[in-house]
Amino acid sequence: MIATLSSKGQITIPISIRELLGIKTGDAIDFVTTKSKTIELVPTHTPVHALRGLVSKPKRPVTIAEMDAAIGSGGEK
């Protein structure tokens, strides 16, 4: 599907895409850039409490030095 950019930098998301994503007026949408330089539209209306348990608790506390090292490596192991 094709959408046209307005002079104000706005686009209209086709109804079939809005229904597929389950978004409605007032919902926030995140534009995520992938490594292949494509853009994904991600609805952000998931309640925070739904994310509970998504990441497991570490077996031991992580040090600041370990956090800095992980950030420096881009989170790779």
PDB file of N, CA and C in Angstrom:
ATOM      1  N   MET A   1       0.840  -1.186   0.000  1.00  0.00           N
ATOM      2  CA  MET A   1       0.000   0.000   0.000  1.00  0.00           C
ATOM      3  C   MET A   1       0.873   1.232   0.000  1.00  0.00           C
ATOM      4  N   ILE A   2       0.391   2.254  -0.629  1.00  0.00           N
ATOM      5  CA  ILE A   2       1.149   3.494  -0.749  1.00  0.00           C
ATOM      6  C   ILE A   2       0.390   4.612  -0.042  1.00  0.00           C
ATOM      7  N   ALA A   3       1.135   5.434   0.710  1.00  0.00           N
ATOM      8  CA  ALA A   3       0.574   6.625   1.340  1.00  0.00           C
ATOM      9  C   ALA A   3       1.380   7.815   0.842  1.00  0.00           C
ATOM     10  N   THR A   4       0.744   8.964   0.712  1.00  0.00           N
ATOM     11  CA  THR A   4       1.401  10.166   0.214  1.00  0.00           C
ATOM     12  C   THR A   4       1.696  11.106   1.376  1.00  0.00           C
ATOM     13  N   LEU A   5       2.902  11.654   1.387  1.00  0.00           N
ATOM     14  CA  LEU A   5       3.327  12.589   2.421  1.00  0.00           C
ATOM     15  C   LEU A   5       2.751  13.967   2.126  1.00  0.00           C
ATOM     16  N   SER A   6       2.122  14.574   3.122  1.00  0.00           N
ATOM     17  CA  SER A   6       1.551  15.910   2.935  1.00  0.00           C
ATOM     18  C   SER A   6       2.646  16.967   3.094  1.00  0.00           C
ATOM     19  N   SER A   7       2.301  18.209   2.785  1.00  0.00           N
ATOM     20  CA  SER A   7       3.261  19.311   2.921  1.00  0.00           C
ATOM     21  C   SER A   7       3.658  19.531   4.379  1.00  0.00           C
ATOM     22  N   LYS A   8       2.846  19.041   5.309  1.00  0.00           N
ATOM     23  CA  LYS A   8       3.156  19.153   6.739  1.00  0.00           C
ATOM     24  C   LYS A   8       3.919  17.939   7.256  1.00  0.00           C
ATOM     25  N   GLY A   9       4.301  17.010   6.370  1.00  0.00           N
ATOM     26  CA  GLY A   9       5.041  15.826   6.792  1.00  0.00           C
ATOM     27  C   GLY A   9       4.158  14.744   7.379  1.00  0.00           C
ATOM     28  N   GLN A  10       2.881  14.765   7.065  1.00  0.00           N
ATOM     29  CA  GLN A  10       1.933  13.796   7.595  1.00  0.00           C
ATOM     30  C   GLN A  10       1.534  12.777   6.539  1.00  0.00           C
ATOM     31  N   ILE A  11       1.193  11.565   7.012  1.00  0.00           N
ATOM     32  CA  ILE A  11       0.634  10.551   6.122  1.00  0.00           C
ATOM     33  C   ILE A  11      -0.633  10.006   6.755  1.00  0.00           C
ATOM     34  N   THR A  12      -1.492   9.449   5.922  1.00  0.00           N
ATOM     35  CA  THR A  12      -2.680   8.766   6.417  1.00  0.00           C
ATOM     36  C   THR A  12      -2.406   7.272   6.318  1.00  0.00           C
ATOM     37  N   ILE A  13      -2.525   6.595   7.443  1.00  0.00           N
ATOM     38  CA  ILE A  13      -2.317   5.147   7.456  1.00  0.00           C
ATOM     39  C   ILE A  13      -3.615   4.491   6.990  1.00  0.00           C
ATOM     40  N   PRO A  14      -3.535   3.676   5.945  1.00  0.00           N
ATOM     41  CA  PRO A  14      -4.755   3.040   5.423  1.00  0.00           C
ATOM     42  C   PRO A  14      -5.495   2.251   6.511  1.00  0.00           C
ATOM     43  N   ILE A  15      -6.816   2.215   6.410  1.00  0.00           N
ATOM     44  CA  ILE A  15      -7.644   1.561   7.421  1.00  0.00           C
ATOM     45  C   ILE A  15      -7.279   0.087   7.599  1.00  0.00           C
ATOM     46  N   SER A  16      -6.938  -0.599   6.522  1.00  0.00           N
ATOM     47  CA  SER A  16      -6.590  -2.018   6.653  1.00  0.00           C
ATOM     48  C   SER A  16      -5.333  -2.199   7.504  1.00  0.00           C
ATOM     49  N   ILE A  17      -4.381  -1.264   7.407  1.00  0.00           N
ATOM     50  CA  ILE A  17      -3.161  -1.329   8.220  1.00  0.00           C
ATOM     51  C   ILE A  17      -3.487  -0.975   9.668  1.00  0.00           C
ATOM     52  N   ARG A  18      -4.325   0.040   9.877  1.00  0.00           N
ATOM     53  CA  ARG A  18      -4.724   0.409  11.244  1.00  0.00           C
ATOM     54  C   ARG A  18      -5.434  -0.753  11.930  1.00  0.00           C
ATOM     55  N   GLU A  19      -6.302  -1.436  11.185  1.00  0.00           N
ATOM     56  CA  GLU A  19      -7.012  -2.586  11.762  1.00  0.00           C
ATOM     57  C   GLU A  19      -6.045  -3.726  12.061  1.00  0.00           C
ATOM     58  N   LEU A  20      -5.099  -3.966  11.164  1.00  0.00           N
ATOM     59  CA  LEU A  20      -4.108  -5.021  11.367  1.00  0.00           C
ATOM     60  C   LEU A  20      -3.273  -4.762  12.621  1.00  0.00           C
ATOM     61  N   LEU A  21      -2.875  -3.498  12.822  1.00  0.00           N
ATOM     62  CA  LEU A  21      -2.067  -3.135  13.983  1.00  0.00           C
ATOM     63  C   LEU A  21      -2.906  -2.920  15.240  1.00  0.00           C
ATOM     64  N   GLY A  22      -4.212  -2.820  15.067  1.00  0.00           N
ATOM     65  CA  GLY A  22      -5.088  -2.586  16.216  1.00  0.00           C
ATOM     66  C   GLY A  22      -4.936  -1.188  16.797  1.00  0.00           C
ATOM     67  N   ILE A  23      -4.666  -0.207  15.919  1.00  0.00           N
ATOM     68  CA  ILE A  23      -4.494   1.161  16.400  1.00  0.00           C
ATOM     69  C   ILE A  23      -5.715   2.001  16.064  1.00  0.00           C
ATOM     70  N   LYS A  24      -5.889   3.030  16.889  1.00  0.00           N
ATOM     71  CA  LYS A  24      -7.012   3.930  16.696  1.00  0.00           C
ATOM     72  C   LYS A  24      -6.562   5.356  16.960  1.00  0.00           C
ATOM     73  N   THR A  25      -7.429   6.304  16.738  1.00  0.00           N
ATOM     74  CA  THR A  25      -7.116   7.712  16.943  1.00  0.00           C
ATOM     75  C   THR A  25      -6.540   7.937  18.336  1.00  0.00           C
ATOM     76  N   GLY A  26      -5.419   8.632  18.393  1.00  0.00           N
ATOM     77  CA  GLY A  26      -4.788   8.958  19.675  1.00  0.00           C
ATOM     78  C   GLY A  26      -3.717   7.967  20.108  1.00  0.00           C
ATOM     79  N   ASP A  27      -3.650   6.783  19.480  1.00  0.00           N
ATOM     80  CA  ASP A  27      -2.615   5.815  19.839  1.00  0.00           C
ATOM     81  C   ASP A  27      -1.253   6.318  19.362  1.00  0.00           C
ATOM     82  N   ALA A  28      -0.218   5.970  20.107  1.00  0.00           N
ATOM     83  CA  ALA A  28       1.148   6.325  19.720  1.00  0.00           C
ATOM     84  C   ALA A  28       1.724   5.216  18.849  1.00  0.00           C
ATOM     85  N   ILE A  29       2.558   5.613  17.899  1.00  0.00           N
ATOM     86  CA  ILE A  29       3.215   4.659  17.006  1.00  0.00           C
ATOM     87  C   ILE A  29       4.698   4.957  17.022  1.00  0.00           C
ATOM     88  N   ASP A  30       5.502   3.926  17.178  1.00  0.00           N
ATOM     89  CA  ASP A  30       6.952   4.069  17.167  1.00  0.00           C
ATOM     90  C   ASP A  30       7.472   3.674  15.791  1.00  0.00           C
ATOM     91  N   PHE A  31       8.340   4.497  15.211  1.00  0.00           N
ATOM     92  CA  PHE A  31       8.981   4.184  13.943  1.00  0.00           C
ATOM     93  C   PHE A  31      10.359   3.624  14.269  1.00  0.00           C
ATOM     94  N   VAL A  32      10.561   2.336  14.007  1.00  0.00           N
ATOM     95  CA  VAL A  32      11.802   1.655  14.355  1.00  0.00           C
ATOM     96  C   VAL A  32      12.613   1.401  13.095  1.00  0.00           C
ATOM     97  N   THR A  33      13.879   1.823  13.106  1.00  0.00           N
ATOM     98  CA  THR A  33      14.786   1.590  11.980  1.00  0.00           C
ATOM     99  C   THR A  33      15.491   0.257  12.199  1.00  0.00           C
ATOM    100  N   THR A  34      15.471  -0.605  11.194  1.00  0.00           N
ATOM    101  CA  THR A  34      16.129  -1.904  11.289  1.00  0.00           C
ATOM    102  C   THR A  34      17.542  -1.824  10.721  1.00  0.00           C
ATOM    103  N   LYS A  35      18.323  -2.876  10.942  1.00  0.00           N
ATOM    104  CA  LYS A  35      19.690  -2.913  10.412  1.00  0.00           C
ATOM    105  C   LYS A  35      19.702  -2.851   8.887  1.00  0.00           C
ATOM    106  N   SER A  36      18.655  -3.352   8.244  1.00  0.00           N
ATOM    107  CA  SER A  36      18.583  -3.317   6.781  1.00  0.00           C
ATOM    108  C   SER A  36      18.039  -1.984   6.260  1.00  0.00           C
ATOM    109  N   LYS A  37      17.957  -0.994   7.161  1.00  0.00           N
ATOM    110  CA  LYS A  37      17.521   0.364   6.834  1.00  0.00           C
ATOM    111  C   LYS A  37      16.086   0.433   6.336  1.00  0.00           C
ATOM    112  N   THR A  38      15.247  -0.431   6.868  1.00  0.00           N
ATOM    113  CA  THR A  38      13.812  -0.322   6.623  1.00  0.00           C
ATOM    114  C   THR A  38      13.176   0.222   7.898  1.00  0.00           C
ATOM    115  N   ILE A  39      11.963   0.669   7.797  1.00  0.00           N
ATOM    116  CA  ILE A  39      11.253   1.236   8.940  1.00  0.00           C
ATOM    117  C   ILE A  39      10.082   0.332   9.296  1.00  0.00           C
ATOM    118  N   GLU A  40       9.926   0.049  10.586  1.00  0.00           N
ATOM    119  CA  GLU A  40       8.784  -0.723  11.071  1.00  0.00           C
ATOM    120  C   GLU A  40       7.891   0.202  11.887  1.00  0.00           C
ATOM    121  N   LEU A  41       6.591   0.110  11.674  1.00  0.00           N
ATOM    122  CA  LEU A  41       5.627   0.828  12.496  1.00  0.00           C
ATOM    123  C   LEU A  41       5.228  -0.087  13.641  1.00  0.00           C
ATOM    124  N   VAL A  42       5.442   0.365  14.862  1.00  0.00           N
ATOM    125  CA  VAL A  42       5.140  -0.461  16.030  1.00  0.00           C
ATOM    126  C   VAL A  42       4.170   0.303  16.924  1.00  0.00           C
ATOM    127  N   PRO A  43       2.958  -0.220  17.105  1.00  0.00           N
ATOM    128  CA  PRO A  43       2.030   0.457  18.020  1.00  0.00           C
ATOM    129  C   PRO A  43       2.564   0.357  19.439  1.00  0.00           C
ATOM    130  N   THR A  44       2.427   1.428  20.201  1.00  0.00           N
ATOM    131  CA  THR A  44       2.975   1.456  21.557  1.00  0.00           C
ATOM    132  C   THR A  44       1.896   1.487  22.627  1.00  0.00           C
ATOM    133  N   HIS A  45       0.745   0.910  22.327  1.00  0.00           N
ATOM    134  CA  HIS A  45      -0.346   0.954  23.300  1.00  0.00           C
ATOM    135  C   HIS A  45      -0.376  -0.265  24.228  1.00  0.00           C
ATOM    136  N   THR A  46       0.739  -1.012  24.298  1.00  0.00           N
ATOM    137  CA  THR A  46       0.808  -2.144  25.216  1.00  0.00           C
ATOM    138  C   THR A  46       1.001  -1.609  26.633  1.00  0.00           C
ATOM    139  N   PRO A  47       0.155  -2.011  27.570  1.00  0.00           N
ATOM    140  CA  PRO A  47       0.323  -1.532  28.941  1.00  0.00           C
ATOM    141  C   PRO A  47       1.637  -2.045  29.539  1.00  0.00           C
ATOM    142  N   VAL A  48       2.262  -1.218  30.342  1.00  0.00           N
ATOM    143  CA  VAL A  48       3.545  -1.571  30.939  1.00  0.00           C
ATOM    144  C   VAL A  48       3.454  -2.868  31.736  1.00  0.00           C
ATOM    145  N   HIS A  49       2.365  -3.087  32.450  1.00  0.00           N
ATOM    146  CA  HIS A  49       2.258  -4.292  33.282  1.00  0.00           C
ATOM    147  C   HIS A  49       2.273  -5.571  32.442  1.00  0.00           C
ATOM    148  N   ALA A  50       1.976  -5.466  31.154  1.00  0.00           N
ATOM    149  CA  ALA A  50       2.013  -6.643  30.275  1.00  0.00           C
ATOM    150  C   ALA A  50       3.450  -7.096  30.000  1.00  0.00           C
ATOM    151  N   LEU A  51       4.418  -6.228  30.278  1.00  0.00           N
ATOM    152  CA  LEU A  51       5.825  -6.554  30.039  1.00  0.00           C
ATOM    153  C   LEU A  51       6.471  -7.275  31.218  1.00  0.00           C
ATOM    154  N   ARG A  52       5.761  -7.352  32.334  1.00  0.00           N
ATOM    155  CA  ARG A  52       6.315  -7.995  33.523  1.00  0.00           C
ATOM    156  C   ARG A  52       6.699  -9.441  33.216  1.00  0.00           C
ATOM    157  N   GLY A  53       7.911  -9.805  33.635  1.00  0.00           N
ATOM    158  CA  GLY A  53       8.392 -11.161  33.436  1.00  0.00           C
ATOM    159  C   GLY A  53       9.036 -11.390  32.082  1.00  0.00           C
ATOM    160  N   LEU A  54       9.059 -10.379  31.236  1.00  0.00           N
ATOM    161  CA  LEU A  54       9.643 -10.519  29.912  1.00  0.00           C
ATOM    162  C   LEU A  54      11.150 -10.770  29.992  1.00  0.00           C
ATOM    163  N   VAL A  55      11.794 -10.096  30.933  1.00  0.00           N
ATOM    164  CA  VAL A  55      13.234 -10.263  31.135  1.00  0.00           C
ATOM    165  C   VAL A  55      13.441 -10.903  32.493  1.00  0.00           C
ATOM    166  N   SER A  56      14.219 -11.973  32.510  1.00  0.00           N
ATOM    167  CA  SER A  56      14.450 -12.663  33.787  1.00  0.00           C
ATOM    168  C   SER A  56      15.434 -11.880  34.648  1.00  0.00           C
ATOM    169  N   LYS A  57      15.310 -12.051  35.949  1.00  0.00           N
ATOM    170  CA  LYS A  57      16.171 -11.383  36.906  1.00  0.00           C
ATOM    171  C   LYS A  57      17.540 -12.063  36.879  1.00  0.00           C
ATOM    172  N   PRO A  58      18.633 -11.293  36.892  1.00  0.00           N
ATOM    173  CA  PRO A  58      19.950 -11.917  36.886  1.00  0.00           C
ATOM    174  C   PRO A  58      20.200 -12.703  38.174  1.00  0.00           C
ATOM    175  N   LYS A  59      21.020 -13.742  38.075  1.00  0.00           N
ATOM    176  CA  LYS A  59      21.303 -14.582  39.246  1.00  0.00           C
ATOM    177  C   LYS A  59      22.105 -13.830  40.292  1.00  0.00           C
ATOM    178  N   ARG A  60      22.884 -12.855  39.833  1.00  0.00           N
ATOM    179  CA  ARG A  60      23.646 -12.022  40.765  1.00  0.00           C
ATOM    180  C   ARG A  60      23.545 -10.570  40.299  1.00  0.00           C
ATOM    181  N   PRO A  61      23.729  -9.621  41.198  1.00  0.00           N
ATOM    182  CA  PRO A  61      23.674  -8.214  40.783  1.00  0.00           C
ATOM    183  C   PRO A  61      24.745  -7.910  39.733  1.00  0.00           C
ATOM    184  N   VAL A  62      24.407  -7.037  38.822  1.00  0.00           N
ATOM    185  CA  VAL A  62      25.341  -6.629  37.775  1.00  0.00           C
ATOM    186  C   VAL A  62      26.050  -5.363  38.237  1.00  0.00           C
ATOM    187  N   THR A  63      27.371  -5.324  38.068  1.00  0.00           N
ATOM    188  CA  THR A  63      28.143  -4.159  38.485  1.00  0.00           C
ATOM    189  C   THR A  63      28.035  -3.048  37.446  1.00  0.00           C
ATOM    190  N   ILE A  64      28.368  -1.841  37.872  1.00  0.00           N
ATOM    191  CA  ILE A  64      28.374  -0.698  36.957  1.00  0.00           C
ATOM    192  C   ILE A  64      29.379  -0.945  35.836  1.00  0.00           C
ATOM    193  N   ALA A  65      30.535  -1.512  36.161  1.00  0.00           N
ATOM    194  CA  ALA A  65      31.551  -1.802  35.139  1.00  0.00           C
ATOM    195  C   ALA A  65      31.009  -2.789  34.107  1.00  0.00           C
ATOM    196  N   GLU A  66      30.254  -3.793  34.546  1.00  0.00           N
ATOM    197  CA  GLU A  66      29.663  -4.763  33.616  1.00  0.00           C
ATOM    198  C   GLU A  66      28.604  -4.095  32.734  1.00  0.00           C
ATOM    199  N   MET A  67      27.814  -3.185  33.326  1.00  0.00           N
ATOM    200  CA  MET A  67      26.822  -2.451  32.541  1.00  0.00           C
ATOM    201  C   MET A  67      27.507  -1.597  31.478  1.00  0.00           C
ATOM    202  N   ASP A  68      28.574  -0.881  31.880  1.00  0.00           N
ATOM    203  CA  ASP A  68      29.316  -0.050  30.928  1.00  0.00           C
ATOM    204  C   ASP A  68      29.903  -0.896  29.803  1.00  0.00           C
ATOM    205  N   ALA A  69      30.449  -2.078  30.149  1.00  0.00           N
ATOM    206  CA  ALA A  69      31.025  -2.954  29.133  1.00  0.00           C
ATOM    207  C   ALA A  69      29.941  -3.446  28.166  1.00  0.00           C
ATOM    208  N   ALA A  70      28.762  -3.786  28.688  1.00  0.00           N
ATOM    209  CA  ALA A  70      27.660  -4.251  27.837  1.00  0.00           C
ATOM    210  C   ALA A  70      27.189  -3.136  26.905  1.00  0.00           C
ATOM    211  N   ILE A  71      27.108  -1.918  27.437  1.00  0.00           N
ATOM    212  CA  ILE A  71      26.698  -0.781  26.612  1.00  0.00           C
ATOM    213  C   ILE A  71      27.733  -0.542  25.516  1.00  0.00           C
ATOM    214  N   GLY A  72      29.022  -0.621  25.881  1.00  0.00           N
ATOM    215  CA  GLY A  72      30.093  -0.404  24.924  1.00  0.00           C
ATOM    216  C   GLY A  72      30.110  -1.436  23.807  1.00  0.00           C
ATOM    217  N   SER A  73      29.676  -2.657  24.117  1.00  0.00           N
ATOM    218  CA  SER A  73      29.683  -3.720  23.103  1.00  0.00           C
ATOM    219  C   SER A  73      28.352  -3.795  22.358  1.00  0.00           C
ATOM    220  N   GLY A  74      27.452  -2.906  22.656  1.00  0.00           N
ATOM    221  CA  GLY A  74      26.146  -2.914  21.996  1.00  0.00           C
ATOM    222  C   GLY A  74      25.234  -3.990  22.541  1.00  0.00           C
ATOM    223  N   GLY A  75      25.502  -4.491  23.749  1.00  0.00           N
ATOM    224  CA  GLY A  75      24.659  -5.503  24.384  1.00  0.00           C
ATOM    225  C   GLY A  75      24.930  -6.911  23.908  1.00  0.00           C
ATOM    226  N   GLU A  76      25.948  -7.091  23.071  1.00  0.00           N
ATOM    227  CA  GLU A  76      26.260  -8.445  22.583  1.00  0.00           C
ATOM    228  C   GLU A  76      26.990  -9.227  23.653  1.00  0.00           C
ATOM    229  N   LYS A  77      26.825 -10.542  23.599  1.00  0.00           N
ATOM    230  CA  LYS A  77      27.552 -11.399  24.550  1.00  0.00           C
ATOM    231  C   LYS A  77      28.714 -12.048  23.876  1.00  0.00           C
TER     232      LYS A  77
END
